[in-house]
Amino acid sequence: MQCLPVAKLPEGSNWEYEVKFDGYRALGIKSGGRVGLMFRNENDLSVRFPILTQTLANLADETIIDGEL
């Protein structure tokens, strides 16, 4: 989800916040025995993070992990 700038953060018990550390928002995908690590815009990150990409191969097929590197 893309962040949007606001003048004031929402308040109330329905909202939680966390510190945003600079990093890469990425998707780790294993499907049909193939593994991929990519940005949300589908640019490949596998070459930058080969060890992480190899580790994704241990996941069950048809798995998607969304996170930040």
PDB file of N, CA and C in Angstrom:
ATOM      1  N   MET A   1       0.840  -1.160   0.000  1.00  0.00           N
ATOM      2  CA  MET A   1       0.000   0.000   0.000  1.00  0.00           C
ATOM      3  C   MET A   1       0.893   1.233   0.000  1.00  0.00           C
ATOM      4  N   GLN A   2       0.628   2.156  -0.891  1.00  0.00           N
ATOM      5  CA  GLN A   2       1.394   3.386  -0.956  1.00  0.00           C
ATOM      6  C   GLN A   2       0.987   4.320   0.182  1.00  0.00           C
ATOM      7  N   CYS A   3       1.963   4.955   0.777  1.00  0.00           N
ATOM      8  CA  CYS A   3       1.707   5.926   1.837  1.00  0.00           C
ATOM      9  C   CYS A   3       1.302   7.250   1.223  1.00  0.00           C
ATOM     10  N   LEU A   4       0.443   7.957   1.909  1.00  0.00           N
ATOM     11  CA  LEU A   4       0.026   9.285   1.472  1.00  0.00           C
ATOM     12  C   LEU A   4       0.377  10.297   2.545  1.00  0.00           C
ATOM     13  N   PRO A   5       0.878  11.474   2.154  1.00  0.00           N
ATOM     14  CA  PRO A   5       1.188  12.489   3.160  1.00  0.00           C
ATOM     15  C   PRO A   5      -0.095  13.085   3.749  1.00  0.00           C
ATOM     16  N   VAL A   6      -0.065  13.329   5.031  1.00  0.00           N
ATOM     17  CA  VAL A   6      -1.193  13.971   5.709  1.00  0.00           C
ATOM     18  C   VAL A   6      -0.652  15.012   6.686  1.00  0.00           C
ATOM     19  N   ALA A   7      -1.473  15.993   7.017  1.00  0.00           N
ATOM     20  CA  ALA A   7      -1.064  17.032   7.965  1.00  0.00           C
ATOM     21  C   ALA A   7      -1.113  16.516   9.400  1.00  0.00           C
ATOM     22  N   LYS A   8      -2.051  15.590   9.678  1.00  0.00           N
ATOM     23  CA  LYS A   8      -2.214  15.057  11.031  1.00  0.00           C
ATOM     24  C   LYS A   8      -2.591  13.579  10.947  1.00  0.00           C
ATOM     25  N   LEU A   9      -1.977  12.759  11.797  1.00  0.00           N
ATOM     26  CA  LEU A   9      -2.289  11.335  11.811  1.00  0.00           C
ATOM     27  C   LEU A   9      -3.641  11.084  12.457  1.00  0.00           C
ATOM     28  N   PRO A  10      -4.378  10.087  11.976  1.00  0.00           N
ATOM     29  CA  PRO A  10      -5.644   9.728  12.617  1.00  0.00           C
ATOM     30  C   PRO A  10      -5.397   9.261  14.053  1.00  0.00           C
ATOM     31  N   GLU A  11      -6.362   9.491  14.911  1.00  0.00           N
ATOM     32  CA  GLU A  11      -6.255   9.069  16.304  1.00  0.00           C
ATOM     33  C   GLU A  11      -7.361   8.077  16.630  1.00  0.00           C
ATOM     34  N   GLY A  12      -7.186   7.355  17.726  1.00  0.00           N
ATOM     35  CA  GLY A  12      -8.213   6.433  18.194  1.00  0.00           C
ATOM     36  C   GLY A  12      -7.679   5.028  18.336  1.00  0.00           C
ATOM     37  N   SER A  13      -8.479   4.182  18.951  1.00  0.00           N
ATOM     38  CA  SER A  13      -8.051   2.814  19.245  1.00  0.00           C
ATOM     39  C   SER A  13      -7.978   1.924  17.999  1.00  0.00           C
ATOM     40  N   ASN A  14      -8.514   2.369  16.888  1.00  0.00           N
ATOM     41  CA  ASN A  14      -8.464   1.577  15.652  1.00  0.00           C
ATOM     42  C   ASN A  14      -7.175   1.773  14.867  1.00  0.00           C
ATOM     43  N   TRP A  15      -6.287   2.631  15.363  1.00  0.00           N
ATOM     44  CA  TRP A  15      -5.067   2.951  14.636  1.00  0.00           C
ATOM     45  C   TRP A  15      -3.843   2.537  15.429  1.00  0.00           C
ATOM     46  N   GLU A  16      -2.850   1.963  14.719  1.00  0.00           N
ATOM     47  CA  GLU A  16      -1.548   1.641  15.298  1.00  0.00           C
ATOM     48  C   GLU A  16      -0.481   2.138  14.336  1.00  0.00           C
ATOM     49  N   TYR A  17       0.665   2.496  14.890  1.00  0.00           N
ATOM     50  CA  TYR A  17       1.748   3.021  14.070  1.00  0.00           C
ATOM     51  C   TYR A  17       3.042   2.309  14.413  1.00  0.00           C
ATOM     52  N   GLU A  18       3.948   2.277  13.442  1.00  0.00           N
ATOM     53  CA  GLU A  18       5.270   1.712  13.666  1.00  0.00           C
ATOM     54  C   GLU A  18       6.299   2.613  13.001  1.00  0.00           C
ATOM     55  N   VAL A  19       7.517   2.540  13.469  1.00  0.00           N
ATOM     56  CA  VAL A  19       8.592   3.331  12.892  1.00  0.00           C
ATOM     57  C   VAL A  19       8.895   2.802  11.499  1.00  0.00           C
ATOM     58  N   LYS A  20       9.051   3.690  10.542  1.00  0.00           N
ATOM     59  CA  LYS A  20       9.395   3.311   9.168  1.00  0.00           C
ATOM     60  C   LYS A  20      10.897   3.439   8.991  1.00  0.00           C
ATOM     61  N   PHE A  21      11.567   2.307   8.842  1.00  0.00           N
ATOM     62  CA  PHE A  21      12.985   2.300   8.541  1.00  0.00           C
ATOM     63  C   PHE A  21      13.136   2.230   7.027  1.00  0.00           C
ATOM     64  N   ASP A  22      14.120   2.933   6.491  1.00  0.00           N
ATOM     65  CA  ASP A  22      14.327   2.876   5.050  1.00  0.00           C
ATOM     66  C   ASP A  22      14.764   1.485   4.647  1.00  0.00           C
ATOM     67  N   GLY A  23      14.184   0.997   3.606  1.00  0.00           N
ATOM     68  CA  GLY A  23      14.503  -0.327   3.112  1.00  0.00           C
ATOM     69  C   GLY A  23      13.785  -0.565   1.802  1.00  0.00           C
ATOM     70  N   TYR A  24      13.748  -1.795   1.373  1.00  0.00           N
ATOM     71  CA  TYR A  24      13.065  -2.180   0.147  1.00  0.00           C
ATOM     72  C   TYR A  24      11.795  -2.933   0.502  1.00  0.00           C
ATOM     73  N   ARG A  25      10.660  -2.483   0.025  1.00  0.00           N
ATOM     74  CA  ARG A  25       9.425  -3.240   0.149  1.00  0.00           C
ATOM     75  C   ARG A  25       9.474  -4.303  -0.931  1.00  0.00           C
ATOM     76  N   ALA A  26       9.321  -5.557  -0.546  1.00  0.00           N
ATOM     77  CA  ALA A  26       9.546  -6.641  -1.498  1.00  0.00           C
ATOM     78  C   ALA A  26       8.515  -7.753  -1.345  1.00  0.00           C
ATOM     79  N   LEU A  27       8.375  -8.510  -2.403  1.00  0.00           N
ATOM     80  CA  LEU A  27       7.565  -9.724  -2.410  1.00  0.00           C
ATOM     81  C   LEU A  27       8.478 -10.904  -2.700  1.00  0.00           C
ATOM     82  N   GLY A  28       8.402 -11.919  -1.853  1.00  0.00           N
ATOM     83  CA  GLY A  28       9.080 -13.181  -2.099  1.00  0.00           C
ATOM     84  C   GLY A  28       8.029 -14.163  -2.574  1.00  0.00           C
ATOM     85  N   ILE A  29       8.234 -14.747  -3.736  1.00  0.00           N
ATOM     86  CA  ILE A  29       7.206 -15.598  -4.343  1.00  0.00           C
ATOM     87  C   ILE A  29       7.808 -16.941  -4.731  1.00  0.00           C
ATOM     88  N   LYS A  30       7.104 -18.012  -4.356  1.00  0.00           N
ATOM     89  CA  LYS A  30       7.452 -19.342  -4.852  1.00  0.00           C
ATOM     90  C   LYS A  30       6.200 -19.932  -5.474  1.00  0.00           C
ATOM     91  N   SER A  31       6.285 -20.222  -6.759  1.00  0.00           N
ATOM     92  CA  SER A  31       5.135 -20.747  -7.490  1.00  0.00           C
ATOM     93  C   SER A  31       5.634 -21.695  -8.574  1.00  0.00           C
ATOM     94  N   GLY A  32       5.039 -22.859  -8.650  1.00  0.00           N
ATOM     95  CA  GLY A  32       5.428 -23.831  -9.664  1.00  0.00           C
ATOM     96  C   GLY A  32       6.885 -24.245  -9.566  1.00  0.00           C
ATOM     97  N   GLY A  33       7.443 -24.222  -8.346  1.00  0.00           N
ATOM     98  CA  GLY A  33       8.832 -24.591  -8.145  1.00  0.00           C
ATOM     99  C   GLY A  33       9.822 -23.480  -8.464  1.00  0.00           C
ATOM    100  N   ARG A  34       9.334 -22.334  -8.931  1.00  0.00           N
ATOM    101  CA  ARG A  34      10.205 -21.198  -9.248  1.00  0.00           C
ATOM    102  C   ARG A  34      10.142 -20.172  -8.123  1.00  0.00           C
ATOM    103  N   VAL A  35      11.265 -19.522  -7.867  1.00  0.00           N
ATOM    104  CA  VAL A  35      11.383 -18.555  -6.781  1.00  0.00           C
ATOM    105  C   VAL A  35      11.704 -17.182  -7.358  1.00  0.00           C
ATOM    106  N   GLY A  36      11.079 -16.154  -6.800  1.00  0.00           N
ATOM    107  CA  GLY A  36      11.373 -14.792  -7.214  1.00  0.00           C
ATOM    108  C   GLY A  36      11.334 -13.844  -6.032  1.00  0.00           C
ATOM    109  N   LEU A  37      12.136 -12.800  -6.114  1.00  0.00           N
ATOM    110  CA  LEU A  37      12.150 -11.746  -5.111  1.00  0.00           C
ATOM    111  C   LEU A  37      12.069 -10.443  -5.888  1.00  0.00           C
ATOM    112  N   MET A  38      11.029  -9.642  -5.627  1.00  0.00           N
ATOM    113  CA  MET A  38      10.831  -8.461  -6.460  1.00  0.00           C
ATOM    114  C   MET A  38      10.227  -7.290  -5.696  1.00  0.00           C
ATOM    115  N   PHE A  39      10.447  -6.097  -6.265  1.00  0.00           N
ATOM    116  CA  PHE A  39       9.757  -4.900  -5.800  1.00  0.00           C
ATOM    117  C   PHE A  39       8.282  -5.023  -6.158  1.00  0.00           C
ATOM    118  N   ARG A  40       7.463  -4.160  -5.579  1.00  0.00           N
ATOM    119  CA  ARG A  40       6.039  -4.144  -5.929  1.00  0.00           C
ATOM    120  C   ARG A  40       5.829  -3.864  -7.408  1.00  0.00           C
ATOM    121  N   ASN A  41       6.747  -3.090  -8.027  1.00  0.00           N
ATOM    122  CA  ASN A  41       6.597  -2.772  -9.452  1.00  0.00           C
ATOM    123  C   ASN A  41       7.146  -3.886 -10.349  1.00  0.00           C
ATOM    124  N   GLU A  42       7.437  -5.035  -9.750  1.00  0.00           N
ATOM    125  CA  GLU A  42       7.875  -6.259 -10.427  1.00  0.00           C
ATOM    126  C   GLU A  42       9.320  -6.221 -10.917  1.00  0.00           C
ATOM    127  N   ASN A  43      10.118  -5.227 -10.503  1.00  0.00           N
ATOM    128  CA  ASN A  43      11.556  -5.259 -10.804  1.00  0.00           C
ATOM    129  C   ASN A  43      12.215  -6.315  -9.925  1.00  0.00           C
ATOM    130  N   ASP A  44      13.133  -7.058 -10.517  1.00  0.00           N
ATOM    131  CA  ASP A  44      13.768  -8.198  -9.853  1.00  0.00           C
ATOM    132  C   ASP A  44      14.787  -7.765  -8.801  1.00  0.00           C
ATOM    133  N   LEU A  45      14.707  -8.355  -7.612  1.00  0.00           N
ATOM    134  CA  LEU A  45      15.669  -8.129  -6.532  1.00  0.00           C
ATOM    135  C   LEU A  45      16.542  -9.354  -6.277  1.00  0.00           C
ATOM    136  N   SER A  46      16.325 -10.416  -7.002  1.00  0.00           N
ATOM    137  CA  SER A  46      17.015 -11.686  -6.750  1.00  0.00           C
ATOM    138  C   SER A  46      18.529 -11.560  -6.821  1.00  0.00           C
ATOM    139  N   VAL A  47      19.038 -10.759  -7.727  1.00  0.00           N
ATOM    140  CA  VAL A  47      20.485 -10.611  -7.892  1.00  0.00           C
ATOM    141  C   VAL A  47      21.086  -9.861  -6.704  1.00  0.00           C
ATOM    142  N   ARG A  48      20.362  -8.896  -6.162  1.00  0.00           N
ATOM    143  CA  ARG A  48      20.858  -8.125  -5.015  1.00  0.00           C
ATOM    144  C   ARG A  48      20.867  -8.934  -3.725  1.00  0.00           C
ATOM    145  N   PHE A  49      19.948  -9.887  -3.610  1.00  0.00           N
ATOM    146  CA  PHE A  49      19.801 -10.672  -2.379  1.00  0.00           C
ATOM    147  C   PHE A  49      19.772 -12.164  -2.691  1.00  0.00           C
ATOM    148  N   PRO A  50      20.871 -12.727  -3.213  1.00  0.00           N
ATOM    149  CA  PRO A  50      20.859 -14.133  -3.646  1.00  0.00           C
ATOM    150  C   PRO A  50      20.639 -15.120  -2.502  1.00  0.00           C
ATOM    151  N   ILE A  51      21.180 -14.843  -1.325  1.00  0.00           N
ATOM    152  CA  ILE A  51      21.006 -15.777  -0.205  1.00  0.00           C
ATOM    153  C   ILE A  51      19.540 -15.821   0.224  1.00  0.00           C
ATOM    154  N   LEU A  52      18.902 -14.670   0.269  1.00  0.00           N
ATOM    155  CA  LEU A  52      17.482 -14.630   0.618  1.00  0.00           C
ATOM    156  C   LEU A  52      16.649 -15.350  -0.439  1.00  0.00           C
ATOM    157  N   THR A  53      16.994 -15.129  -1.692  1.00  0.00           N
ATOM    158  CA  THR A  53      16.276 -15.800  -2.777  1.00  0.00           C
ATOM    159  C   THR A  53      16.409 -17.318  -2.657  1.00  0.00           C
ATOM    160  N   GLN A  54      17.608 -17.801  -2.349  1.00  0.00           N
ATOM    161  CA  GLN A  54      17.819 -19.242  -2.170  1.00  0.00           C
ATOM    162  C   GLN A  54      17.004 -19.770  -0.993  1.00  0.00           C
ATOM    163  N   THR A  55      16.907 -18.984   0.062  1.00  0.00           N
ATOM    164  CA  THR A  55      16.142 -19.402   1.242  1.00  0.00           C
ATOM    165  C   THR A  55      14.657 -19.530   0.927  1.00  0.00           C
ATOM    166  N   LEU A  56      14.152 -18.670   0.046  1.00  0.00           N
ATOM    167  CA  LEU A  56      12.743 -18.747  -0.339  1.00  0.00           C
ATOM    168  C   LEU A  56      12.410 -20.085  -0.996  1.00  0.00           C
ATOM    169  N   ALA A  57      13.407 -20.758  -1.555  1.00  0.00           N
ATOM    170  CA  ALA A  57      13.182 -22.057  -2.202  1.00  0.00           C
ATOM    171  C   ALA A  57      12.707 -23.106  -1.201  1.00  0.00           C
ATOM    172  N   ASN A  58      12.936 -22.879   0.099  1.00  0.00           N
ATOM    173  CA  ASN A  58      12.490 -23.822   1.125  1.00  0.00           C
ATOM    174  C   ASN A  58      11.003 -23.706   1.443  1.00  0.00           C
ATOM    175  N   LEU A  59      10.353 -22.676   0.933  1.00  0.00           N
ATOM    176  CA  LEU A  59       8.926 -22.492   1.189  1.00  0.00           C
ATOM    177  C   LEU A  59       8.084 -23.467   0.368  1.00  0.00           C
ATOM    178  N   ALA A  60       6.865 -23.657   0.828  1.00  0.00           N
ATOM    179  CA  ALA A  60       5.920 -24.476   0.054  1.00  0.00           C
ATOM    180  C   ALA A  60       5.554 -23.740  -1.234  1.00  0.00           C
ATOM    181  N   ASP A  61       5.235 -24.507  -2.271  1.00  0.00           N
ATOM    182  CA  ASP A  61       4.778 -23.898  -3.523  1.00  0.00           C
ATOM    183  C   ASP A  61       3.530 -23.058  -3.278  1.00  0.00           C
ATOM    184  N   GLU A  62       3.355 -22.069  -4.123  1.00  0.00           N
ATOM    185  CA  GLU A  62       2.214 -21.150  -4.085  1.00  0.00           C
ATOM    186  C   GLU A  62       2.210 -20.324  -2.796  1.00  0.00           C
ATOM    187  N   THR A  63       3.405 -19.851  -2.406  1.00  0.00           N
ATOM    188  CA  THR A  63       3.561 -19.000  -1.214  1.00  0.00           C
ATOM    189  C   THR A  63       4.021 -17.622  -1.649  1.00  0.00           C
ATOM    190  N   ILE A  64       3.450 -16.580  -1.046  1.00  0.00           N
ATOM    191  CA  ILE A  64       3.884 -15.205  -1.259  1.00  0.00           C
ATOM    192  C   ILE A  64       4.153 -14.587   0.112  1.00  0.00           C
ATOM    193  N   ILE A  65       5.332 -13.964   0.239  1.00  0.00           N
ATOM    194  CA  ILE A  65       5.683 -13.267   1.469  1.00  0.00           C
ATOM    195  C   ILE A  65       5.873 -11.791   1.110  1.00  0.00           C
ATOM    196  N   ASP A  66       5.192 -10.926   1.849  1.00  0.00           N
ATOM    197  CA  ASP A  66       5.273  -9.485   1.627  1.00  0.00           C
ATOM    198  C   ASP A  66       6.013  -8.892   2.818  1.00  0.00           C
ATOM    199  N   GLY A  67       7.075  -8.153   2.572  1.00  0.00           N
ATOM    200  CA  GLY A  67       7.815  -7.572   3.684  1.00  0.00           C
ATOM    201  C   GLY A  67       8.795  -6.515   3.260  1.00  0.00           C
ATOM    202  N   GLU A  68       9.643  -6.125   4.186  1.00  0.00           N
ATOM    203  CA  GLU A  68      10.643  -5.097   3.931  1.00  0.00           C
ATOM    204  C   GLU A  68      12.030  -5.641   4.217  1.00  0.00           C
ATOM    205  N   LEU A  69      12.947  -5.339   3.333  1.00  0.00           N
ATOM    206  CA  LEU A  69      14.334  -5.775   3.473  1.00  0.00           C
ATOM    207  C   LEU A  69      15.188  -4.608   3.918  1.00  0.00           C
TER     208      LEU A  69
END
